PDB file of N, CA and C in Angstrom:
ATOM      1  N   MET A   1     -19.403   0.294  18.370  1.00  0.00           N
ATOM      2  CA  MET A   1     -18.439   0.320  17.554  1.00  0.00           C
ATOM      3  C   MET A   1     -17.942   1.675  17.403  1.00  0.00           C
ATOM      4  N   PRO A   2     -16.581   2.311  17.525  1.00  0.00           N
ATOM      5  CA  PRO A   2     -16.258   3.712  17.378  1.00  0.00           C
ATOM      6  C   PRO A   2     -16.266   3.989  16.066  1.00  0.00           C
ATOM      7  N   THR A   3     -16.880   5.325  15.850  1.00  0.00           N
ATOM      8  CA  THR A   3     -17.075   5.702  14.319  1.00  0.00           C
ATOM      9  C   THR A   3     -16.900   7.170  14.192  1.00  0.00           C
ATOM     10  N   SER A   4     -16.409   7.699  13.122  1.00  0.00           N
ATOM     11  CA  SER A   4     -16.400   8.926  12.986  1.00  0.00           C
ATOM     12  C   SER A   4     -16.719   9.342  11.446  1.00  0.00           C
ATOM     13  N   HIS A   5     -16.864  10.607  11.433  1.00  0.00           N
ATOM     14  CA  HIS A   5     -17.249  10.984  10.011  1.00  0.00           C
ATOM     15  C   HIS A   5     -16.584  12.340   9.652  1.00  0.00           C
ATOM     16  N   ALA A   6     -16.131  12.711   8.357  1.00  0.00           N
ATOM     17  CA  ALA A   6     -15.804  13.770   7.622  1.00  0.00           C
ATOM     18  C   ALA A   6     -16.524  13.980   6.479  1.00  0.00           C
ATOM     19  N   ASP A   7     -17.044  15.342   6.303  1.00  0.00           N
ATOM     20  CA  ASP A   7     -17.514  15.833   4.770  1.00  0.00           C
ATOM     21  C   ASP A   7     -16.319  16.479   4.337  1.00  0.00           C
ATOM     22  N   VAL A   8     -15.744  16.271   3.584  1.00  0.00           N
ATOM     23  CA  VAL A   8     -14.658  16.900   2.676  1.00  0.00           C
ATOM     24  C   VAL A   8     -15.068  17.561   1.576  1.00  0.00           C
ATOM     25  N   ALA A   9     -14.841  18.838   1.517  1.00  0.00           N
ATOM     26  CA  ALA A   9     -15.304  19.602   0.421  1.00  0.00           C
ATOM     27  C   ALA A   9     -14.327  19.442  -0.766  1.00  0.00           C
ATOM     28  N   THR A  10     -14.930  18.943  -1.877  1.00  0.00           N
ATOM     29  CA  THR A  10     -14.133  19.000  -3.338  1.00  0.00           C
ATOM     30  C   THR A  10     -15.159  18.664  -4.334  1.00  0.00           C
ATOM     31  N   GLU A  11     -14.594  19.253  -5.568  1.00  0.00           N
ATOM     32  CA  GLU A  11     -15.116  19.034  -6.651  1.00  0.00           C
ATOM     33  C   GLU A  11     -15.144  17.617  -7.381  1.00  0.00           C
ATOM     34  N   HIS A  12     -13.976  17.052  -6.688  1.00  0.00           N
ATOM     35  CA  HIS A  12     -13.276  15.872  -7.495  1.00  0.00           C
ATOM     36  C   HIS A  12     -13.635  14.436  -6.419  1.00  0.00           C
ATOM     37  N   ALA A  13     -14.801  14.517  -5.751  1.00  0.00           N
ATOM     38  CA  ALA A  13     -15.078  13.522  -4.829  1.00  0.00           C
ATOM     39  C   ALA A  13     -15.069  12.067  -5.367  1.00  0.00           C
ATOM     40  N   SER A  14     -15.793  12.056  -6.450  1.00  0.00           N
ATOM     41  CA  SER A  14     -15.994  10.555  -7.278  1.00  0.00           C
ATOM     42  C   SER A  14     -14.639  10.082  -7.451  1.00  0.00           C
ATOM     43  N   ARG A  15     -13.695  10.946  -8.056  1.00  0.00           N
ATOM     44  CA  ARG A  15     -12.375  10.548  -8.520  1.00  0.00           C
ATOM     45  C   ARG A  15     -11.555   9.871  -7.382  1.00  0.00           C
ATOM     46  N   TYR A  16     -11.617  10.816  -6.229  1.00  0.00           N
ATOM     47  CA  TYR A  16     -10.796  10.352  -5.199  1.00  0.00           C
ATOM     48  C   TYR A  16     -11.353   8.935  -4.391  1.00  0.00           C
ATOM     49  N   LEU A  17     -12.799   8.804  -4.354  1.00  0.00           N
ATOM     50  CA  LEU A  17     -13.266   7.847  -4.020  1.00  0.00           C
ATOM     51  C   LEU A  17     -12.936   6.428  -4.661  1.00  0.00           C
ATOM     52  N   GLN A  18     -12.922   6.609  -6.000  1.00  0.00           N
ATOM     53  CA  GLN A  18     -12.516   5.720  -6.959  1.00  0.00           C
ATOM     54  C   GLN A  18     -10.996   5.034  -6.892  1.00  0.00           C
ATOM     55  N   GLN A  19     -10.429   6.119  -6.746  1.00  0.00           N
ATOM     56  CA  GLN A  19      -8.698   5.928  -6.587  1.00  0.00           C
ATOM     57  C   GLN A  19      -8.337   5.264  -5.373  1.00  0.00           C
ATOM     58  N   LEU A  20      -8.830   5.520  -4.396  1.00  0.00           N
ATOM     59  CA  LEU A  20      -8.792   4.962  -2.960  1.00  0.00           C
ATOM     60  C   LEU A  20      -9.374   3.362  -3.125  1.00  0.00           C
ATOM     61  N   CYS A  21     -10.371   3.303  -3.624  1.00  0.00           N
ATOM     62  CA  CYS A  21     -10.784   1.875  -3.637  1.00  0.00           C
ATOM     63  C   CYS A  21     -10.091   1.014  -4.510  1.00  0.00           C
ATOM     64  N   LYS A  22      -9.808   1.685  -5.692  1.00  0.00           N
ATOM     65  CA  LYS A  22      -8.700   0.815  -6.485  1.00  0.00           C
ATOM     66  C   LYS A  22      -7.242   0.736  -6.004  1.00  0.00           C
ATOM     67  N   HIS A  23      -6.904   1.524  -5.380  1.00  0.00           N
ATOM     68  CA  HIS A  23      -5.657   1.639  -4.805  1.00  0.00           C
ATOM     69  C   HIS A  23      -5.559   0.371  -3.706  1.00  0.00           C
ATOM     70  N   TRP A  24      -6.631  -0.051  -2.772  1.00  0.00           N
ATOM     71  CA  TRP A  24      -6.712  -0.863  -1.782  1.00  0.00           C
ATOM     72  C   TRP A  24      -7.161  -2.134  -2.257  1.00  0.00           C
ATOM     73  N   ALA A  25      -7.981  -2.236  -3.445  1.00  0.00           N
ATOM     74  CA  ALA A  25      -8.622  -3.299  -3.855  1.00  0.00           C
ATOM     75  C   ALA A  25      -7.718  -4.749  -4.050  1.00  0.00           C
ATOM     76  N   HIS A  26      -6.526  -4.523  -4.255  1.00  0.00           N
ATOM     77  CA  HIS A  26      -5.552  -5.792  -4.361  1.00  0.00           C
ATOM     78  C   HIS A  26      -5.452  -6.304  -2.693  1.00  0.00           C
ATOM     79  N   LYS A  27      -5.482  -5.693  -1.915  1.00  0.00           N
ATOM     80  CA  LYS A  27      -5.111  -6.034  -0.665  1.00  0.00           C
ATOM     81  C   LYS A  27      -6.368  -6.293   0.473  1.00  0.00           C
ATOM     82  N   PHE A  28      -7.437  -5.687   0.290  1.00  0.00           N
ATOM     83  CA  PHE A  28      -8.597  -5.643   0.991  1.00  0.00           C
ATOM     84  C   PHE A  28      -9.740  -5.733   0.292  1.00  0.00           C
ATOM     85  N   PRO A  29     -10.927  -6.504   0.951  1.00  0.00           N
ATOM     86  CA  PRO A  29     -12.123  -6.301   0.219  1.00  0.00           C
ATOM     87  C   PRO A  29     -12.764  -4.936  -0.109  1.00  0.00           C
ATOM     88  N   VAL A  30     -13.042  -4.736  -1.249  1.00  0.00           N
ATOM     89  CA  VAL A  30     -13.396  -3.420  -1.481  1.00  0.00           C
ATOM     90  C   VAL A  30     -14.523  -3.552  -2.690  1.00  0.00           C
ATOM     91  N   GLU A  31     -15.775  -2.546  -2.437  1.00  0.00           N
ATOM     92  CA  GLU A  31     -16.844  -2.618  -3.338  1.00  0.00           C
ATOM     93  C   GLU A  31     -17.109  -0.826  -3.681  1.00  0.00           C
ATOM     94  N   PHE A  32     -17.256  -0.717  -4.751  1.00  0.00           N
ATOM     95  CA  PHE A  32     -17.380   0.677  -5.120  1.00  0.00           C
ATOM     96  C   PHE A  32     -17.903   0.950  -6.416  1.00  0.00           C
ATOM     97  N   ASP A  33     -18.636   1.919  -6.703  1.00  0.00           N
ATOM     98  CA  ASP A  33     -18.829   2.496  -7.944  1.00  0.00           C
ATOM     99  C   ASP A  33     -18.889   4.344  -7.904  1.00  0.00           C
ATOM    100  N   PRO A  34     -19.072   4.847  -8.810  1.00  0.00           N
ATOM    101  CA  PRO A  34     -18.624   6.370  -8.890  1.00  0.00           C
ATOM    102  C   PRO A  34     -19.128   7.124  -7.701  1.00  0.00           C
ATOM    103  N   HIS A  35     -20.112   6.665  -6.870  1.00  0.00           N
ATOM    104  CA  HIS A  35     -20.709   7.477  -5.912  1.00  0.00           C
ATOM    105  C   HIS A  35     -20.692   6.899  -4.654  1.00  0.00           C
ATOM    106  N   HIS A  36     -20.339   5.659  -4.349  1.00  0.00           N
ATOM    107  CA  HIS A  36     -20.237   4.901  -3.190  1.00  0.00           C
ATOM    108  C   HIS A  36     -19.206   4.134  -3.020  1.00  0.00           C
ATOM    109  N   GLY A  37     -18.529   3.786  -1.967  1.00  0.00           N
ATOM    110  CA  GLY A  37     -17.496   2.756  -1.947  1.00  0.00           C
ATOM    111  C   GLY A  37     -17.513   2.281  -0.581  1.00  0.00           C
ATOM    112  N   THR A  38     -16.977   1.121  -0.220  1.00  0.00           N
ATOM    113  CA  THR A  38     -16.481   0.419   1.026  1.00  0.00           C
ATOM    114  C   THR A  38     -15.339  -0.233   0.937  1.00  0.00           C
ATOM    115  N   ILE A  39     -14.384  -0.137   2.084  1.00  0.00           N
ATOM    116  CA  ILE A  39     -13.255  -0.659   2.072  1.00  0.00           C
ATOM    117  C   ILE A  39     -13.191  -1.418   3.631  1.00  0.00           C
ATOM    118  N   ASP A  40     -12.896  -2.740   3.527  1.00  0.00           N
ATOM    119  CA  ASP A  40     -12.660  -3.477   4.708  1.00  0.00           C
ATOM    120  C   ASP A  40     -11.031  -3.542   5.015  1.00  0.00           C
ATOM    121  N   LEU A  41     -10.405  -2.489   5.771  1.00  0.00           N
ATOM    122  CA  LEU A  41      -9.000  -2.488   5.972  1.00  0.00           C
ATOM    123  C   LEU A  41      -9.195  -3.290   7.294  1.00  0.00           C
ATOM    124  N   SER A  42      -7.624  -3.863   7.478  1.00  0.00           N
ATOM    125  CA  SER A  42      -7.537  -4.622   8.690  1.00  0.00           C
ATOM    126  C   SER A  42      -7.620  -3.623  10.039  1.00  0.00           C
ATOM    127  N   LEU A  43      -7.638  -2.313   9.906  1.00  0.00           N
ATOM    128  CA  LEU A  43      -7.811  -1.226  11.126  1.00  0.00           C
ATOM    129  C   LEU A  43      -9.275  -1.123  11.198  1.00  0.00           C
ATOM    130  N   GLY A  44     -10.323  -1.421  10.328  1.00  0.00           N
ATOM    131  CA  GLY A  44     -11.660  -1.168  10.168  1.00  0.00           C
ATOM    132  C   GLY A  44     -12.184  -1.005   8.888  1.00  0.00           C
ATOM    133  N   ARG A  45     -13.467  -0.404   9.041  1.00  0.00           N
ATOM    134  CA  ARG A  45     -14.394  -0.353   7.732  1.00  0.00           C
ATOM    135  C   ARG A  45     -14.321   1.205   7.205  1.00  0.00           C
ATOM    136  N   THR A  46     -14.232   1.460   6.006  1.00  0.00           N
ATOM    137  CA  THR A  46     -14.250   2.972   5.596  1.00  0.00           C
ATOM    138  C   THR A  46     -15.401   2.923   4.560  1.00  0.00           C
ATOM    139  N   VAL A  47     -16.248   3.795   4.861  1.00  0.00           N
ATOM    140  CA  VAL A  47     -17.493   3.987   3.751  1.00  0.00           C
ATOM    141  C   VAL A  47     -17.475   5.314   3.295  1.00  0.00           C
ATOM    142  N   MET A  48     -17.439   5.421   2.065  1.00  0.00           N
ATOM    143  CA  MET A  48     -17.353   6.740   1.162  1.00  0.00           C
ATOM    144  C   MET A  48     -18.710   6.930   0.542  1.00  0.00           C
ATOM    145  N   ASP A  49     -19.149   8.303   0.495  1.00  0.00           N
ATOM    146  CA  ASP A  49     -20.054   8.519  -0.427  1.00  0.00           C
ATOM    147  C   ASP A  49     -19.603  10.009  -1.261  1.00  0.00           C
ATOM    148  N   ALA A  50     -19.781  10.040  -2.414  1.00  0.00           N
ATOM    149  CA  ALA A  50     -19.212  11.116  -3.295  1.00  0.00           C
ATOM    150  C   ALA A  50     -20.517  11.704  -3.956  1.00  0.00           C
ATOM    151  N   ASP A  51     -20.659  13.299  -3.856  1.00  0.00           N
ATOM    152  CA  ASP A  51     -21.592  14.155  -4.681  1.00  0.00           C
ATOM    153  C   ASP A  51     -20.792  15.228  -5.353  1.00  0.00           C
ATOM    154  N   ALA A  52     -21.429  16.234  -5.908  1.00  0.00           N
ATOM    155  CA  ALA A  52     -20.964  17.136  -6.824  1.00  0.00           C
ATOM    156  C   ALA A  52     -19.934  18.114  -5.972  1.00  0.00           C
ATOM    157  N   SER A  53     -20.172  18.269  -4.567  1.00  0.00           N
ATOM    158  CA  SER A  53     -19.585  19.169  -3.808  1.00  0.00           C
ATOM    159  C   SER A  53     -18.619  18.702  -2.761  1.00  0.00           C
ATOM    160  N   ALA A  54     -18.855  17.502  -2.379  1.00  0.00           N
ATOM    161  CA  ALA A  54     -18.016  16.974  -1.087  1.00  0.00           C
ATOM    162  C   ALA A  54     -17.959  15.277  -1.284  1.00  0.00           C
ATOM    163  N   LEU A  55     -16.766  14.707  -0.556  1.00  0.00           N
ATOM    164  CA  LEU A  55     -16.676  13.464  -0.017  1.00  0.00           C
ATOM    165  C   LEU A  55     -16.870  13.099   1.207  1.00  0.00           C
ATOM    166  N   HIS A  56     -18.131  12.265   1.227  1.00  0.00           N
ATOM    167  CA  HIS A  56     -18.388  12.009   2.483  1.00  0.00           C
ATOM    168  C   HIS A  56     -17.644  10.754   3.093  1.00  0.00           C
ATOM    169  N   VAL A  57     -16.891  10.631   4.208  1.00  0.00           N
ATOM    170  CA  VAL A  57     -16.094   9.517   4.618  1.00  0.00           C
ATOM    171  C   VAL A  57     -16.570   9.194   6.044  1.00  0.00           C
ATOM    172  N   THR A  58     -17.064   7.931   6.378  1.00  0.00           N
ATOM    173  CA  THR A  58     -17.283   7.442   7.555  1.00  0.00           C
ATOM    174  C   THR A  58     -16.142   6.267   8.045  1.00  0.00           C
ATOM    175  N   VAL A  59     -15.522   6.168   8.868  1.00  0.00           N
ATOM    176  CA  VAL A  59     -14.717   5.125   9.345  1.00  0.00           C
ATOM    177  C   VAL A  59     -15.082   4.573  10.704  1.00  0.00           C
ATOM    178  N   SER A  60     -15.207   3.222  10.808  1.00  0.00           N
ATOM    179  CA  SER A  60     -15.416   2.563  11.945  1.00  0.00           C
ATOM    180  C   SER A  60     -14.565   1.411  12.259  1.00  0.00           C
ATOM    181  N   THR A  61     -14.224   1.009  13.689  1.00  0.00           N
ATOM    182  CA  THR A  61     -13.693   0.251  13.906  1.00  0.00           C
ATOM    183  C   THR A  61     -14.020  -0.666  15.150  1.00  0.00           C
ATOM    184  N   ASP A  62     -13.723  -1.957  15.523  1.00  0.00           N
ATOM    185  CA  ASP A  62     -14.021  -2.723  16.448  1.00  0.00           C
ATOM    186  C   ASP A  62     -13.188  -2.266  17.937  1.00  0.00           C
ATOM    187  N   GLU A  63     -11.822  -1.515  17.524  1.00  0.00           N
ATOM    188  CA  GLU A  63     -10.933  -1.441  18.450  1.00  0.00           C
ATOM    189  C   GLU A  63     -10.867   0.204  18.847  1.00  0.00           C
ATOM    190  N   GLY A  64     -11.285   0.730  19.815  1.00  0.00           N
ATOM    191  CA  GLY A  64     -11.363   2.066  20.050  1.00  0.00           C
ATOM    192  C   GLY A  64      -9.767   2.706  20.070  1.00  0.00           C
ATOM    193  N   GLY A  65      -9.094   1.869  20.267  1.00  0.00           N
ATOM    194  CA  GLY A  65      -7.496   2.744  20.083  1.00  0.00           C
ATOM    195  C   GLY A  65      -7.272   2.911  18.614  1.00  0.00           C
ATOM    196  N   SER A  66      -7.831   2.179  17.882  1.00  0.00           N
ATOM    197  CA  SER A  66      -7.606   2.420  15.974  1.00  0.00           C
ATOM    198  C   SER A  66      -8.204   3.287  15.444  1.00  0.00           C
ATOM    199  N   LEU A  67      -9.273   3.891  16.073  1.00  0.00           N
ATOM    200  CA  LEU A  67     -10.157   5.028  15.287  1.00  0.00           C
ATOM    201  C   LEU A  67      -9.211   6.078  14.743  1.00  0.00           C
ATOM    202  N   GLU A  68      -8.478   6.510  15.512  1.00  0.00           N
ATOM    203  CA  GLU A  68      -7.780   7.889  15.297  1.00  0.00           C
ATOM    204  C   GLU A  68      -6.558   7.421  14.107  1.00  0.00           C
ATOM    205  N   ARG A  69      -5.910   6.273  14.391  1.00  0.00           N
ATOM    206  CA  ARG A  69      -4.978   5.842  13.612  1.00  0.00           C
ATOM    207  C   ARG A  69      -5.765   5.499  11.901  1.00  0.00           C
ATOM    208  N   LEU A  70      -7.057   5.156  12.004  1.00  0.00           N
ATOM    209  CA  LEU A  70      -7.811   4.667  10.721  1.00  0.00           C
ATOM    210  C   LEU A  70      -8.162   5.871  10.178  1.00  0.00           C
ATOM    211  N   GLU A  71      -8.479   6.929  10.715  1.00  0.00           N
ATOM    212  CA  GLU A  71      -8.930   8.529  10.295  1.00  0.00           C
ATOM    213  C   GLU A  71      -7.527   8.756   9.589  1.00  0.00           C
ATOM    214  N   SER A  72      -6.253   8.698  10.207  1.00  0.00           N
ATOM    215  CA  SER A  72      -5.017   9.312   9.787  1.00  0.00           C
ATOM    216  C   SER A  72      -4.818   8.503   8.284  1.00  0.00           C
ATOM    217  N   VAL A  73      -4.864   7.013   8.268  1.00  0.00           N
ATOM    218  CA  VAL A  73      -4.357   6.273   7.221  1.00  0.00           C
ATOM    219  C   VAL A  73      -5.294   6.851   6.028  1.00  0.00           C
ATOM    220  N   VAL A  74      -6.862   6.798   6.218  1.00  0.00           N
ATOM    221  CA  VAL A  74      -7.423   7.112   5.257  1.00  0.00           C
ATOM    222  C   VAL A  74      -7.313   8.677   4.512  1.00  0.00           C
ATOM    223  N   ALA A  75      -7.340   9.651   5.530  1.00  0.00           N
ATOM    224  CA  ALA A  75      -7.037  10.919   5.091  1.00  0.00           C
ATOM    225  C   ALA A  75      -5.740  11.075   4.449  1.00  0.00           C
ATOM    226  N   ASP A  76      -4.632  10.395   4.952  1.00  0.00           N
ATOM    227  CA  ASP A  76      -3.344  10.803   4.116  1.00  0.00           C
ATOM    228  C   ASP A  76      -3.405  10.328   2.702  1.00  0.00           C
ATOM    229  N   HIS A  77      -3.966   9.077   2.782  1.00  0.00           N
ATOM    230  CA  HIS A  77      -4.099   8.487   1.305  1.00  0.00           C
ATOM    231  C   HIS A  77      -5.020   9.342   0.418  1.00  0.00           C
ATOM    232  N   ILE A  78      -6.044   9.741   0.774  1.00  0.00           N
ATOM    233  CA  ILE A  78      -6.760  10.770  -0.094  1.00  0.00           C
ATOM    234  C   ILE A  78      -6.162  12.048  -0.261  1.00  0.00           C
ATOM    235  N   LYS A  79      -5.296  12.555   0.473  1.00  0.00           N
ATOM    236  CA  LYS A  79      -4.641  13.771   0.449  1.00  0.00           C
ATOM    237  C   LYS A  79      -3.655  13.634  -0.437  1.00  0.00           C
ATOM    238  N   ARG A  80      -2.983  12.519  -0.544  1.00  0.00           N
ATOM    239  CA  ARG A  80      -1.966  12.117  -1.660  1.00  0.00           C
ATOM    240  C   ARG A  80      -2.560  12.164  -3.185  1.00  0.00           C
ATOM    241  N   PHE A  81      -3.724  11.514  -3.185  1.00  0.00           N
ATOM    242  CA  PHE A  81      -4.418  11.643  -4.328  1.00  0.00           C
ATOM    243  C   PHE A  81      -4.767  13.021  -4.939  1.00  0.00           C
ATOM    244  N   ALA A  82      -5.135  13.648  -3.911  1.00  0.00           N
ATOM    245  CA  ALA A  82      -5.399  15.208  -4.047  1.00  0.00           C
ATOM    246  C   ALA A  82      -4.621  15.993  -3.986  1.00  0.00           C
ATOM    247  N   PHE A  83      -3.348  15.955  -4.604  1.00  0.00           N
ATOM    248  CA  PHE A  83      -2.009  16.795  -4.475  1.00  0.00           C
ATOM    249  C   PHE A  83      -2.199  18.135  -5.012  1.00  0.00           C
ATOM    250  N   ARG A  84      -3.044  18.197  -5.930  1.00  0.00           N
ATOM    251  CA  ARG A  84      -3.534  19.585  -6.579  1.00  0.00           C
ATOM    252  C   ARG A  84      -4.316  20.250  -5.952  1.00  0.00           C
ATOM    253  N   GLU A  85      -5.059  19.875  -4.819  1.00  0.00           N
ATOM    254  CA  GLU A  85      -6.006  20.854  -3.980  1.00  0.00           C
ATOM    255  C   GLU A  85      -5.547  20.391  -2.484  1.00  0.00           C
ATOM    256  N   GLU A  86      -5.932  21.408  -1.497  1.00  0.00           N
ATOM    257  CA  GLU A  86      -5.816  21.230  -0.108  1.00  0.00           C
ATOM    258  C   GLU A  86      -7.172  20.763   0.359  1.00  0.00           C
ATOM    259  N   LEU A  87      -7.234  19.574   1.091  1.00  0.00           N
ATOM    260  CA  LEU A  87      -8.382  19.008   1.438  1.00  0.00           C
ATOM    261  C   LEU A  87      -8.336  19.079   2.730  1.00  0.00           C
ATOM    262  N   THR A  88      -9.577  19.403   3.719  1.00  0.00           N
ATOM    263  CA  THR A  88      -9.567  19.340   5.048  1.00  0.00           C
ATOM    264  C   THR A  88     -10.404  18.241   5.552  1.00  0.00           C
ATOM    265  N   PHE A  89      -9.953  17.466   6.553  1.00  0.00           N
ATOM    266  CA  PHE A  89     -10.652  16.570   7.156  1.00  0.00           C
ATOM    267  C   PHE A  89     -10.957  16.891   8.583  1.00  0.00           C
ATOM    268  N   ASP A  90     -12.211  17.245   8.864  1.00  0.00           N
ATOM    269  CA  ASP A  90     -12.511  17.596  10.390  1.00  0.00           C
ATOM    270  C   ASP A  90     -13.464  16.515  10.976  1.00  0.00           C
ATOM    271  N   TRP A  91     -12.654  15.301  11.432  1.00  0.00           N
ATOM    272  CA  TRP A  91     -13.410  14.176  11.818  1.00  0.00           C
ATOM    273  C   TRP A  91     -14.135  14.440  13.267  1.00  0.00           C
ATOM    274  N   LYS A  92     -15.390  13.898  13.165  1.00  0.00           N
ATOM    275  CA  LYS A  92     -16.448  14.227  13.971  1.00  0.00           C
ATOM    276  C   LYS A  92     -17.108  12.997  14.727  1.00  0.00           C
ATOM    277  N   PRO A  93     -17.496  12.580  15.879  1.00  0.00           N
ATOM    278  CA  PRO A  93     -18.050  11.289  15.945  1.00  0.00           C
ATOM    279  C   PRO A  93     -19.245  10.962  15.487  1.00  0.00           C
ATOM    280  N   ALA A  94     -19.466   9.885  15.020  1.00  0.00           N
ATOM    281  CA  ALA A  94     -20.681   9.757  14.160  1.00  0.00           C
ATOM    282  C   ALA A  94     -21.544   8.315  14.792  1.00  0.00           C
ATOM    283  N   THR A  95     -22.792   7.916  14.519  1.00  0.00           N
ATOM    284  CA  THR A  95     -23.218   6.876  14.791  1.00  0.00           C
ATOM    285  C   THR A  95     -22.628   5.681  13.783  1.00  0.00           C
ATOM    286  N   ALA A  96     -22.885   4.487  14.409  1.00  0.00           N
ATOM    287  CA  ALA A  96     -22.287   3.301  13.763  1.00  0.00           C
ATOM    288  C   ALA A  96     -22.939   3.157  12.236  1.00  0.00           C
ATOM    289  N   VAL A  97     -22.222   2.535  11.435  1.00  0.00           N
ATOM    290  CA  VAL A  97     -22.638   2.350  10.071  1.00  0.00           C
ATOM    291  C   VAL A  97     -23.454   1.215   9.946  1.00  0.00           C
TER     292      VAL A  97
END
C-alpha cells in the first residue's frame, strides 16, 4: 500500500487535526481526539498525530496513482485552516500504517 508521511512544524497541531476531522466528519468515516485522528477518504486513509511542536501526517492509498493527489488534498485543506502561518509539507515515503 503506497504510503507517505510529513512532519509539519506548528504550535497549533491539535487545532488543525481537529478542524480537518470535523470538516470531513459529515462525509467520511472519522475518529479523533485532540492528539490523534484518522480519516477514511475515498482517495485513501489519513492518520494524524499532534504534539506541542508538530502535526505528523501519514497518508496511504490502495491506488498508487492516488497518493500524490491525496497528499495534495490533505495539505491544501490544512493550509486553509492555517492561514495565519505558512506550513511546509515535505512528503516522504513511509511504511504502511
